[in-house]
Amino acid sequence: MYTPTHLIFGMAVFGRKDAPKVTAAALAGALIPDLSLYLLAGTHLLILGTDPQVVFGEMYFSDAWQSIFRIDNSFIVWGVVLALGLALRRTWVIALAGAALLHIGLDFPLHHDDGRAHFWPISNWIFESPVSYWDPAHYGSILTPIELLVSWGVCVWLWLRFDGWPMRSLIAVFASLQIPVAVAWAMGAGT
């Protein structure tokens, strides 16, 4: 799924209207599984000027990058964090780990050939789903608009749930971050 969707869903499930620390932890947990990709790809694309085909066609699949992805996308690692949060009764840790597990759980069935080793350190196996959230060759042209509509619907619900302009502004930012995805889908919808 697209990262803004993960942020929207993480906030919806684990955010708390009257607990900013918990909501911030939920947003962090929703972001962390994708953060290493943003840092690695961003460094190469924006600073080093590496060709996008090299970044996403070669470097993404390299052992070095995959060794990082298997840590921040591990059901096992985040499960341990969740267990610690529950044992210590730390709501913000539960929200952090819960949102990360939600992120990973939603990604697991929606990556065809670009998945991650979600069961590290027990296994480096990567599930190759028959569907992809983005790839039109694997139903991405169907899943993308569904993801967008559901995420915008959740944004409306969040808008009603959270009051105050700081939170509502953040929700509006998350909703607007889906617009480039919608435009890209609309431009490629015929393929």
N, C-alpha and C. Protein backbone atom coordinates (compact mmCIF):
# COMPACT_ATOMS: atom_id res chain seq x y z
N MET A 1 0.83 -1.18 0.00
CA MET A 1 0.00 0.00 0.00
C MET A 1 0.88 1.25 0.00
N TYR A 2 0.31 2.33 -0.40
CA TYR A 2 1.04 3.59 -0.42
C TYR A 2 1.21 4.10 1.01
N THR A 3 2.34 4.73 1.27
CA THR A 3 2.67 5.17 2.63
C THR A 3 1.59 6.08 3.24
N PRO A 4 1.04 7.05 2.52
CA PRO A 4 -0.03 7.85 3.14
C PRO A 4 -1.21 7.00 3.63
N THR A 5 -1.52 5.94 2.91
CA THR A 5 -2.59 5.05 3.35
C THR A 5 -2.23 4.40 4.68
N HIS A 6 -0.98 3.98 4.81
CA HIS A 6 -0.54 3.39 6.08
C HIS A 6 -0.66 4.40 7.22
N LEU A 7 -0.31 5.64 6.96
CA LEU A 7 -0.42 6.68 7.99
C LEU A 7 -1.89 6.89 8.38
N ILE A 8 -2.75 6.94 7.39
CA ILE A 8 -4.18 7.14 7.64
C ILE A 8 -4.74 5.98 8.45
N PHE A 9 -4.45 4.75 8.04
CA PHE A 9 -4.97 3.58 8.74
C PHE A 9 -4.37 3.45 10.13
N GLY A 10 -3.07 3.71 10.26
CA GLY A 10 -2.43 3.62 11.58
C GLY A 10 -3.04 4.61 12.55
N MET A 11 -3.30 5.82 12.08
CA MET A 11 -3.92 6.84 12.93
C MET A 11 -5.35 6.45 13.27
N ALA A 12 -6.07 5.88 12.31
CA ALA A 12 -7.46 5.50 12.54
C ALA A 12 -7.58 4.38 13.57
N VAL A 13 -6.69 3.41 13.49
CA VAL A 13 -6.81 2.25 14.37
C VAL A 13 -6.17 2.49 15.74
N PHE A 14 -5.01 3.16 15.76
CA PHE A 14 -4.26 3.27 17.01
C PHE A 14 -4.16 4.68 17.58
N GLY A 15 -4.57 5.69 16.81
CA GLY A 15 -4.54 7.05 17.31
C GLY A 15 -5.64 7.28 18.34
N ARG A 16 -5.38 8.20 19.26
CA ARG A 16 -6.35 8.52 20.31
C ARG A 16 -6.56 10.02 20.35
N LYS A 17 -7.82 10.40 20.30
CA LYS A 17 -8.19 11.82 20.24
C LYS A 17 -7.57 12.63 21.37
N ASP A 18 -7.59 12.12 22.58
CA ASP A 18 -7.11 12.87 23.73
C ASP A 18 -5.75 12.38 24.23
N ALA A 19 -4.99 11.73 23.37
CA ALA A 19 -3.66 11.23 23.75
C ALA A 19 -2.68 11.48 22.61
N PRO A 20 -2.16 12.71 22.50
CA PRO A 20 -1.27 13.04 21.39
C PRO A 20 -0.03 12.16 21.31
N LYS A 21 0.51 11.75 22.45
CA LYS A 21 1.70 10.88 22.45
C LYS A 21 1.37 9.53 21.80
N VAL A 22 0.21 9.01 22.09
CA VAL A 22 -0.21 7.73 21.51
C VAL A 22 -0.44 7.89 20.01
N THR A 23 -1.09 8.97 19.61
CA THR A 23 -1.33 9.21 18.19
C THR A 23 -0.01 9.41 17.43
N ALA A 24 0.92 10.14 18.03
CA ALA A 24 2.24 10.31 17.40
C ALA A 24 2.95 8.97 17.26
N ALA A 25 2.85 8.13 18.28
CA ALA A 25 3.47 6.81 18.21
C ALA A 25 2.82 5.96 17.12
N ALA A 26 1.50 6.07 16.98
CA ALA A 26 0.81 5.33 15.93
C ALA A 26 1.29 5.78 14.55
N LEU A 27 1.44 7.07 14.37
CA LEU A 27 1.93 7.58 13.08
C LEU A 27 3.36 7.14 12.82
N ALA A 28 4.19 7.15 13.86
CA ALA A 28 5.58 6.68 13.71
C ALA A 28 5.60 5.21 13.33
N GLY A 29 4.79 4.41 14.02
CA GLY A 29 4.75 2.99 13.71
C GLY A 29 4.25 2.72 12.29
N ALA A 30 3.31 3.53 11.83
CA ALA A 30 2.81 3.37 10.46
C ALA A 30 3.86 3.75 9.42
N LEU A 31 4.76 4.64 9.78
CA LEU A 31 5.79 5.12 8.85
C LEU A 31 7.07 4.28 8.86
N ILE A 32 7.49 3.81 10.01
CA ILE A 32 8.81 3.17 10.14
C ILE A 32 9.06 2.05 9.14
N PRO A 33 8.11 1.16 8.83
CA PRO A 33 8.43 0.11 7.85
C PRO A 33 8.80 0.63 6.46
N ASP A 34 8.40 1.84 6.11
CA ASP A 34 8.77 2.44 4.82
C ASP A 34 9.91 3.45 4.94
N LEU A 35 10.27 3.84 6.14
CA LEU A 35 11.23 4.93 6.33
C LEU A 35 12.59 4.62 5.74
N SER A 36 13.08 3.40 5.91
CA SER A 36 14.40 3.07 5.37
C SER A 36 14.41 3.19 3.85
N LEU A 37 13.32 2.80 3.20
CA LEU A 37 13.25 2.94 1.75
C LEU A 37 13.31 4.40 1.35
N TYR A 38 12.58 5.26 2.06
CA TYR A 38 12.62 6.69 1.74
C TYR A 38 14.03 7.26 1.93
N LEU A 39 14.68 6.87 3.01
CA LEU A 39 16.03 7.37 3.27
C LEU A 39 17.03 6.87 2.23
N LEU A 40 16.99 5.59 1.93
CA LEU A 40 17.93 5.02 0.96
C LEU A 40 17.65 5.55 -0.45
N ALA A 41 16.42 5.44 -0.89
CA ALA A 41 16.07 5.89 -2.24
C ALA A 41 16.23 7.40 -2.36
N GLY A 42 15.81 8.14 -1.35
CA GLY A 42 15.93 9.60 -1.38
C GLY A 42 17.37 10.05 -1.50
N THR A 43 18.25 9.41 -0.74
CA THR A 43 19.68 9.75 -0.82
C THR A 43 20.20 9.53 -2.23
N HIS A 44 19.85 8.39 -2.81
CA HIS A 44 20.36 8.09 -4.16
C HIS A 44 19.72 8.95 -5.23
N LEU A 45 18.41 9.16 -5.13
CA LEU A 45 17.73 9.93 -6.18
C LEU A 45 18.00 11.43 -6.09
N LEU A 46 17.93 11.98 -4.88
CA LEU A 46 17.98 13.43 -4.71
C LEU A 46 19.38 13.98 -4.46
N ILE A 47 20.22 13.20 -3.82
CA ILE A 47 21.56 13.70 -3.48
C ILE A 47 22.62 13.16 -4.43
N LEU A 48 22.61 11.86 -4.66
CA LEU A 48 23.64 11.25 -5.50
C LEU A 48 23.29 11.22 -6.98
N GLY A 49 22.02 11.47 -7.30
CA GLY A 49 21.60 11.52 -8.70
C GLY A 49 21.57 10.16 -9.38
N THR A 50 21.39 9.11 -8.64
CA THR A 50 21.32 7.77 -9.21
C THR A 50 20.05 7.64 -10.04
N ASP A 51 20.17 6.98 -11.18
CA ASP A 51 19.03 6.77 -12.07
C ASP A 51 17.93 5.98 -11.34
N PRO A 52 16.66 6.41 -11.46
CA PRO A 52 15.57 5.70 -10.79
C PRO A 52 15.48 4.22 -11.17
N GLN A 53 15.82 3.89 -12.41
CA GLN A 53 15.81 2.48 -12.83
C GLN A 53 16.81 1.65 -12.03
N VAL A 54 17.95 2.25 -11.72
CA VAL A 54 18.97 1.57 -10.92
C VAL A 54 18.49 1.44 -9.47
N VAL A 55 17.93 2.53 -8.95
CA VAL A 55 17.48 2.53 -7.55
C VAL A 55 16.41 1.47 -7.34
N PHE A 56 15.36 1.49 -8.18
CA PHE A 56 14.22 0.61 -7.95
C PHE A 56 14.32 -0.73 -8.68
N GLY A 57 15.20 -0.81 -9.68
CA GLY A 57 15.36 -2.07 -10.41
C GLY A 57 16.50 -2.93 -9.90
N GLU A 58 17.50 -2.29 -9.27
CA GLU A 58 18.67 -3.05 -8.81
C GLU A 58 18.90 -2.88 -7.30
N MET A 59 19.07 -1.64 -6.86
CA MET A 59 19.43 -1.39 -5.47
C MET A 59 18.35 -1.87 -4.51
N TYR A 60 17.09 -1.65 -4.86
CA TYR A 60 15.99 -2.09 -4.01
C TYR A 60 16.10 -3.59 -3.69
N PHE A 61 16.51 -4.38 -4.66
CA PHE A 61 16.58 -5.83 -4.51
C PHE A 61 17.94 -6.32 -4.03
N SER A 62 18.88 -5.41 -3.81
CA SER A 62 20.22 -5.81 -3.37
C SER A 62 20.19 -6.40 -1.97
N ASP A 63 21.18 -7.24 -1.68
CA ASP A 63 21.28 -7.83 -0.34
C ASP A 63 21.40 -6.76 0.74
N ALA A 64 22.14 -5.69 0.44
CA ALA A 64 22.34 -4.63 1.43
C ALA A 64 21.01 -3.98 1.81
N TRP A 65 20.22 -3.57 0.82
CA TRP A 65 18.95 -2.93 1.11
C TRP A 65 17.96 -3.91 1.72
N GLN A 66 17.91 -5.12 1.19
CA GLN A 66 16.98 -6.11 1.73
C GLN A 66 17.31 -6.48 3.17
N SER A 67 18.59 -6.43 3.54
CA SER A 67 18.96 -6.73 4.93
C SER A 67 18.41 -5.68 5.89
N ILE A 68 18.26 -4.46 5.42
CA ILE A 68 17.64 -3.40 6.23
C ILE A 68 16.12 -3.59 6.26
N PHE A 69 15.54 -3.85 5.09
CA PHE A 69 14.08 -4.00 5.01
C PHE A 69 13.57 -5.16 5.86
N ARG A 70 14.37 -6.23 5.97
CA ARG A 70 13.87 -7.38 6.73
C ARG A 70 13.80 -7.09 8.22
N ILE A 71 14.52 -6.10 8.69
CA ILE A 71 14.45 -5.73 10.11
C ILE A 71 13.21 -4.87 10.37
N ASP A 72 13.06 -3.79 9.60
CA ASP A 72 11.95 -2.87 9.88
C ASP A 72 10.60 -3.35 9.34
N ASN A 73 10.60 -4.48 8.66
CA ASN A 73 9.36 -5.06 8.15
C ASN A 73 9.10 -6.46 8.70
N SER A 74 9.67 -6.76 9.83
CA SER A 74 9.56 -8.10 10.41
C SER A 74 8.39 -8.21 11.38
N PHE A 75 7.51 -9.17 11.10
CA PHE A 75 6.43 -9.48 12.04
C PHE A 75 7.02 -9.88 13.40
N ILE A 76 8.16 -10.57 13.35
CA ILE A 76 8.79 -11.07 14.58
C ILE A 76 9.30 -9.90 15.42
N VAL A 77 10.06 -9.00 14.80
CA VAL A 77 10.62 -7.85 15.52
C VAL A 77 9.49 -7.02 16.12
N TRP A 78 8.52 -6.66 15.30
CA TRP A 78 7.42 -5.81 15.79
C TRP A 78 6.53 -6.56 16.79
N GLY A 79 6.42 -7.88 16.63
CA GLY A 79 5.68 -8.67 17.61
C GLY A 79 6.33 -8.63 18.98
N VAL A 80 7.67 -8.67 19.00
CA VAL A 80 8.40 -8.56 20.27
C VAL A 80 8.17 -7.18 20.89
N VAL A 81 8.22 -6.14 20.07
CA VAL A 81 7.97 -4.78 20.58
C VAL A 81 6.56 -4.69 21.15
N LEU A 82 5.59 -5.25 20.45
CA LEU A 82 4.21 -5.24 20.95
C LEU A 82 4.11 -6.00 22.27
N ALA A 83 4.74 -7.15 22.36
CA ALA A 83 4.70 -7.94 23.60
C ALA A 83 5.30 -7.15 24.76
N LEU A 84 6.40 -6.44 24.49
CA LEU A 84 7.01 -5.61 25.54
C LEU A 84 6.06 -4.48 25.96
N GLY A 85 5.43 -3.86 24.97
CA GLY A 85 4.47 -2.79 25.28
C GLY A 85 3.31 -3.28 26.12
N LEU A 86 2.82 -4.46 25.79
CA LEU A 86 1.72 -5.04 26.58
C LEU A 86 2.19 -5.40 27.98
N ALA A 87 3.38 -6.00 28.08
CA ALA A 87 3.92 -6.39 29.39
C ALA A 87 4.16 -5.18 30.29
N LEU A 88 4.65 -4.10 29.68
CA LEU A 88 4.94 -2.89 30.44
C LEU A 88 3.73 -1.96 30.57
N ARG A 89 2.66 -2.30 29.87
CA ARG A 89 1.44 -1.48 29.85
C ARG A 89 1.70 -0.05 29.40
N ARG A 90 2.46 0.05 28.33
CA ARG A 90 2.79 1.34 27.74
C ARG A 90 1.94 1.52 26.48
N THR A 91 0.92 2.34 26.58
CA THR A 91 -0.02 2.52 25.48
C THR A 91 0.67 3.02 24.22
N TRP A 92 1.64 3.92 24.38
CA TRP A 92 2.30 4.46 23.20
C TRP A 92 3.15 3.39 22.50
N VAL A 93 3.74 2.46 23.25
CA VAL A 93 4.51 1.38 22.62
C VAL A 93 3.56 0.43 21.89
N ILE A 94 2.41 0.18 22.50
CA ILE A 94 1.41 -0.67 21.85
C ILE A 94 0.95 -0.02 20.54
N ALA A 95 0.71 1.28 20.56
CA ALA A 95 0.28 1.99 19.35
C ALA A 95 1.39 1.96 18.29
N LEU A 96 2.63 2.16 18.69
CA LEU A 96 3.76 2.13 17.76
C LEU A 96 3.85 0.77 17.09
N ALA A 97 3.93 -0.28 17.90
CA ALA A 97 4.07 -1.63 17.36
C ALA A 97 2.82 -2.07 16.62
N GLY A 98 1.66 -1.72 17.15
CA GLY A 98 0.41 -2.10 16.50
C GLY A 98 0.29 -1.49 15.11
N ALA A 99 0.64 -0.22 14.98
CA ALA A 99 0.56 0.44 13.67
C ALA A 99 1.59 -0.14 12.70
N ALA A 100 2.78 -0.48 13.21
CA ALA A 100 3.79 -1.11 12.35
C ALA A 100 3.31 -2.49 11.89
N LEU A 101 2.72 -3.26 12.80
CA LEU A 101 2.19 -4.58 12.43
C LEU A 101 1.02 -4.45 11.45
N LEU A 102 0.18 -3.44 11.64
CA LEU A 102 -0.90 -3.19 10.68
C LEU A 102 -0.32 -2.88 9.31
N HIS A 103 0.69 -2.03 9.26
CA HIS A 103 1.37 -1.68 8.01
C HIS A 103 1.88 -2.95 7.32
N ILE A 104 2.62 -3.75 8.06
CA ILE A 104 3.22 -4.96 7.50
C ILE A 104 2.13 -5.96 7.08
N GLY A 105 1.10 -6.07 7.92
CA GLY A 105 0.01 -6.99 7.61
C GLY A 105 -0.75 -6.60 6.35
N LEU A 106 -0.88 -5.31 6.10
CA LEU A 106 -1.54 -4.85 4.88
C LEU A 106 -0.62 -4.98 3.67
N ASP A 107 0.68 -4.79 3.86
CA ASP A 107 1.62 -4.94 2.75
C ASP A 107 1.81 -6.39 2.33
N PHE A 108 1.79 -7.30 3.29
CA PHE A 108 2.11 -8.70 3.02
C PHE A 108 1.35 -9.27 1.82
N PRO A 109 0.02 -9.12 1.74
CA PRO A 109 -0.69 -9.72 0.60
C PRO A 109 -0.74 -8.84 -0.65
N LEU A 110 -0.09 -7.69 -0.62
CA LEU A 110 -0.24 -6.73 -1.73
C LEU A 110 1.06 -6.40 -2.45
N HIS A 111 2.06 -7.27 -2.35
CA HIS A 111 3.32 -7.09 -3.07
C HIS A 111 3.58 -8.34 -3.91
N HIS A 112 3.64 -8.15 -5.22
CA HIS A 112 3.86 -9.29 -6.10
C HIS A 112 5.33 -9.70 -6.13
N ASP A 113 6.17 -8.87 -6.70
CA ASP A 113 7.59 -9.23 -6.82
C ASP A 113 8.51 -8.26 -6.08
N ASP A 114 7.93 -7.45 -5.21
CA ASP A 114 8.73 -6.46 -4.48
C ASP A 114 8.46 -6.54 -2.97
N GLY A 115 8.10 -7.72 -2.50
CA GLY A 115 7.82 -7.92 -1.08
C GLY A 115 9.09 -7.92 -0.24
N ARG A 116 8.89 -8.16 1.03
CA ARG A 116 10.00 -8.15 1.98
C ARG A 116 9.98 -9.41 2.82
N ALA A 117 11.08 -9.69 3.47
CA ALA A 117 11.22 -10.90 4.31
C ALA A 117 10.56 -10.62 5.66
N HIS A 118 9.25 -10.79 5.72
CA HIS A 118 8.46 -10.40 6.90
C HIS A 118 8.65 -11.31 8.12
N PHE A 119 9.34 -12.43 7.95
CA PHE A 119 9.49 -13.35 9.08
C PHE A 119 10.93 -13.45 9.58
N TRP A 120 11.76 -12.46 9.23
CA TRP A 120 13.12 -12.41 9.74
C TRP A 120 13.05 -12.19 11.25
N PRO A 121 13.89 -12.78 12.05
CA PRO A 121 15.09 -13.56 11.76
C PRO A 121 14.86 -15.06 11.63
N ILE A 122 13.61 -15.50 11.68
CA ILE A 122 13.34 -16.93 11.54
C ILE A 122 13.55 -17.39 10.10
N SER A 123 13.19 -16.53 9.15
CA SER A 123 13.28 -16.91 7.74
C SER A 123 13.52 -15.66 6.89
N ASN A 124 14.19 -15.85 5.76
CA ASN A 124 14.37 -14.78 4.77
C ASN A 124 13.40 -14.95 3.60
N TRP A 125 12.42 -15.86 3.76
CA TRP A 125 11.43 -16.12 2.73
C TRP A 125 10.62 -14.85 2.46
N ILE A 126 10.34 -14.60 1.18
CA ILE A 126 9.53 -13.46 0.76
C ILE A 126 8.32 -13.99 0.01
N PHE A 127 7.14 -13.64 0.51
CA PHE A 127 5.90 -14.05 -0.14
C PHE A 127 5.72 -13.28 -1.44
N GLU A 128 5.43 -13.99 -2.52
CA GLU A 128 5.14 -13.36 -3.80
C GLU A 128 3.65 -13.47 -4.06
N SER A 129 2.94 -12.41 -3.72
CA SER A 129 1.49 -12.40 -3.84
C SER A 129 1.07 -12.38 -5.31
N PRO A 130 -0.08 -12.96 -5.62
CA PRO A 130 -0.59 -12.86 -6.99
C PRO A 130 -1.13 -11.47 -7.32
N VAL A 131 -1.28 -10.61 -6.28
CA VAL A 131 -1.79 -9.26 -6.50
C VAL A 131 -0.77 -8.23 -6.02
N SER A 132 -0.89 -7.04 -6.58
CA SER A 132 0.00 -5.93 -6.24
C SER A 132 -0.85 -4.68 -6.06
N TYR A 133 -0.51 -3.89 -5.06
CA TYR A 133 -1.28 -2.66 -4.82
C TYR A 133 -1.03 -1.63 -5.91
N TRP A 134 0.07 -1.77 -6.67
CA TRP A 134 0.41 -0.74 -7.65
C TRP A 134 0.59 -1.27 -9.08
N ASP A 135 0.99 -2.49 -9.24
CA ASP A 135 1.37 -3.03 -10.55
C ASP A 135 0.13 -3.43 -11.35
N PRO A 136 -0.14 -2.75 -12.48
CA PRO A 136 -1.32 -3.08 -13.28
C PRO A 136 -1.32 -4.52 -13.80
N ALA A 137 -0.14 -5.11 -13.95
CA ALA A 137 -0.06 -6.49 -14.42
C ALA A 137 -0.56 -7.47 -13.36
N HIS A 138 -0.73 -6.99 -12.13
CA HIS A 138 -1.18 -7.84 -11.02
C HIS A 138 -2.31 -7.14 -10.25
N TYR A 139 -3.26 -6.59 -11.02
CA TYR A 139 -4.49 -6.01 -10.47
C TYR A 139 -4.31 -4.66 -9.78
N GLY A 140 -3.16 -4.04 -9.93
CA GLY A 140 -2.95 -2.72 -9.34
C GLY A 140 -3.92 -1.68 -9.87
N SER A 141 -4.34 -1.82 -11.12
CA SER A 141 -5.28 -0.85 -11.69
C SER A 141 -6.66 -0.97 -11.04
N ILE A 142 -6.92 -2.09 -10.40
CA ILE A 142 -8.17 -2.26 -9.66
C ILE A 142 -7.98 -1.89 -8.19
N LEU A 143 -6.86 -2.33 -7.60
CA LEU A 143 -6.63 -2.11 -6.18
C LEU A 143 -6.33 -0.65 -5.83
N THR A 144 -5.62 0.06 -6.71
CA THR A 144 -5.28 1.45 -6.41
C THR A 144 -6.51 2.32 -6.17
N PRO A 145 -7.51 2.32 -7.06
CA PRO A 145 -8.68 3.17 -6.77
C PRO A 145 -9.44 2.73 -5.52
N ILE A 146 -9.46 1.44 -5.25
CA ILE A 146 -10.12 0.97 -4.02
C ILE A 146 -9.37 1.51 -2.81
N GLU A 147 -8.04 1.40 -2.84
CA GLU A 147 -7.23 1.93 -1.73
C GLU A 147 -7.46 3.42 -1.54
N LEU A 148 -7.49 4.17 -2.63
CA LEU A 148 -7.70 5.61 -2.54
C LEU A 148 -9.06 5.96 -1.95
N LEU A 149 -10.10 5.31 -2.44
CA LEU A 149 -11.45 5.61 -1.95
C LEU A 149 -11.60 5.25 -0.47
N VAL A 150 -11.08 4.10 -0.08
CA VAL A 150 -11.17 3.70 1.33
C VAL A 150 -10.37 4.67 2.20
N SER A 151 -9.16 5.03 1.76
CA SER A 151 -8.34 5.93 2.58
C SER A 151 -8.98 7.31 2.70
N TRP A 152 -9.59 7.81 1.62
CA TRP A 152 -10.27 9.10 1.71
C TRP A 152 -11.51 9.00 2.61
N GLY A 153 -12.19 7.88 2.56
CA GLY A 153 -13.32 7.66 3.46
C GLY A 153 -12.88 7.65 4.92
N VAL A 154 -11.75 7.00 5.19
CA VAL A 154 -11.20 6.99 6.56
C VAL A 154 -10.78 8.39 6.97
N CYS A 155 -10.26 9.18 6.02
CA CYS A 155 -9.90 10.57 6.34
C CYS A 155 -11.13 11.37 6.77
N VAL A 156 -12.25 11.16 6.11
CA VAL A 156 -13.48 11.85 6.51
C VAL A 156 -13.84 11.45 7.94
N TRP A 157 -13.76 10.15 8.22
CA TRP A 157 -14.06 9.67 9.58
C TRP A 157 -13.08 10.28 10.60
N LEU A 158 -11.79 10.32 10.25
CA LEU A 158 -10.80 10.93 11.15
C LEU A 158 -11.10 12.40 11.37
N TRP A 159 -11.49 13.11 10.32
CA TRP A 159 -11.83 14.54 10.41
C TRP A 159 -12.95 14.75 11.44
N LEU A 160 -13.92 13.86 11.41
CA LEU A 160 -15.03 13.96 12.36
C LEU A 160 -14.61 13.54 13.77
N ARG A 161 -13.68 12.65 13.86
CA ARG A 161 -13.23 12.12 15.16
C ARG A 161 -12.29 13.08 15.88
N PHE A 162 -11.35 13.64 15.15
CA PHE A 162 -10.37 14.55 15.74
C PHE A 162 -10.81 15.98 15.51
N ASP A 163 -10.84 16.77 16.57
CA ASP A 163 -11.18 18.18 16.38
C ASP A 163 -9.91 19.01 16.57
N GLY A 164 -10.01 20.26 16.23
CA GLY A 164 -8.85 21.15 16.31
C GLY A 164 -8.13 21.19 14.98
N TRP A 165 -7.68 22.37 14.62
CA TRP A 165 -7.05 22.56 13.31
C TRP A 165 -5.70 21.88 13.15
N PRO A 166 -4.89 21.72 14.18
CA PRO A 166 -3.63 21.01 13.95
C PRO A 166 -3.86 19.56 13.45
N MET A 167 -4.77 18.84 14.10
CA MET A 167 -5.02 17.46 13.68
C MET A 167 -5.77 17.41 12.35
N ARG A 168 -6.71 18.30 12.18
CA ARG A 168 -7.46 18.30 10.93
C ARG A 168 -6.56 18.71 9.75
N SER A 169 -5.61 19.58 10.01
CA SER A 169 -4.65 19.95 8.96
C SER A 169 -3.80 18.74 8.58
N LEU A 170 -3.38 17.99 9.58
CA LEU A 170 -2.58 16.78 9.32
C LEU A 170 -3.39 15.77 8.51
N ILE A 171 -4.64 15.59 8.86
CA ILE A 171 -5.52 14.67 8.11
C ILE A 171 -5.67 15.16 6.67
N ALA A 172 -5.83 16.47 6.48
CA ALA A 172 -5.94 17.03 5.13
C ALA A 172 -4.66 16.80 4.34
N VAL A 173 -3.51 16.91 4.99
CA VAL A 173 -2.23 16.64 4.32
C VAL A 173 -2.18 15.18 3.87
N PHE A 174 -2.55 14.26 4.77
CA PHE A 174 -2.54 12.84 4.41
C PHE A 174 -3.47 12.57 3.23
N ALA A 175 -4.66 13.16 3.25
CA ALA A 175 -5.61 12.98 2.15
C ALA A 175 -5.05 13.55 0.85
N SER A 176 -4.41 14.71 0.94
CA SER A 176 -3.87 15.34 -0.28
C SER A 176 -2.65 14.59 -0.82
N LEU A 177 -1.93 13.88 0.04
CA LEU A 177 -0.80 13.08 -0.43
C LEU A 177 -1.25 11.92 -1.33
N GLN A 178 -2.53 11.61 -1.31
CA GLN A 178 -3.06 10.56 -2.17
C GLN A 178 -3.39 11.10 -3.58
N ILE A 179 -3.43 12.42 -3.73
CA ILE A 179 -3.79 12.99 -5.03
C ILE A 179 -2.79 12.61 -6.13
N PRO A 180 -1.47 12.70 -5.90
CA PRO A 180 -0.55 12.26 -6.97
C PRO A 180 -0.74 10.80 -7.36
N VAL A 181 -1.08 9.96 -6.39
CA VAL A 181 -1.35 8.55 -6.70
C VAL A 181 -2.58 8.45 -7.60
N ALA A 182 -3.62 9.21 -7.28
CA ALA A 182 -4.84 9.21 -8.08
C ALA A 182 -4.57 9.72 -9.49
N VAL A 183 -3.77 10.76 -9.61
CA VAL A 183 -3.43 11.31 -10.92
C VAL A 183 -2.63 10.29 -11.74
N ALA A 184 -1.64 9.68 -11.10
CA ALA A 184 -0.83 8.67 -11.79
C ALA A 184 -1.69 7.50 -12.22
N TRP A 185 -2.62 7.08 -11.36
CA TRP A 185 -3.52 5.98 -11.72
C TRP A 185 -4.40 6.40 -12.90
N ALA A 186 -4.97 7.59 -12.84
CA ALA A 186 -5.86 8.05 -13.91
C ALA A 186 -5.12 8.14 -15.24
N MET A 187 -3.87 8.58 -15.20
CA MET A 187 -3.09 8.69 -16.43
C MET A 187 -2.72 7.33 -17.00
N GLY A 188 -2.60 6.34 -16.13
CA GLY A 188 -2.23 5.01 -16.60
C GLY A 188 -3.37 4.02 -16.54
N ALA A 189 -4.58 4.49 -16.29
CA ALA A 189 -5.72 3.59 -16.08
C ALA A 189 -6.01 2.74 -17.30
N GLY A 190 -5.65 3.22 -18.48
CA GLY A 190 -5.92 2.45 -19.68
C GLY A 190 -4.92 1.34 -19.94
N THR A 191 -3.86 1.28 -19.14
CA THR A 191 -2.85 0.24 -19.41
C THR A 191 -3.09 -1.00 -18.60
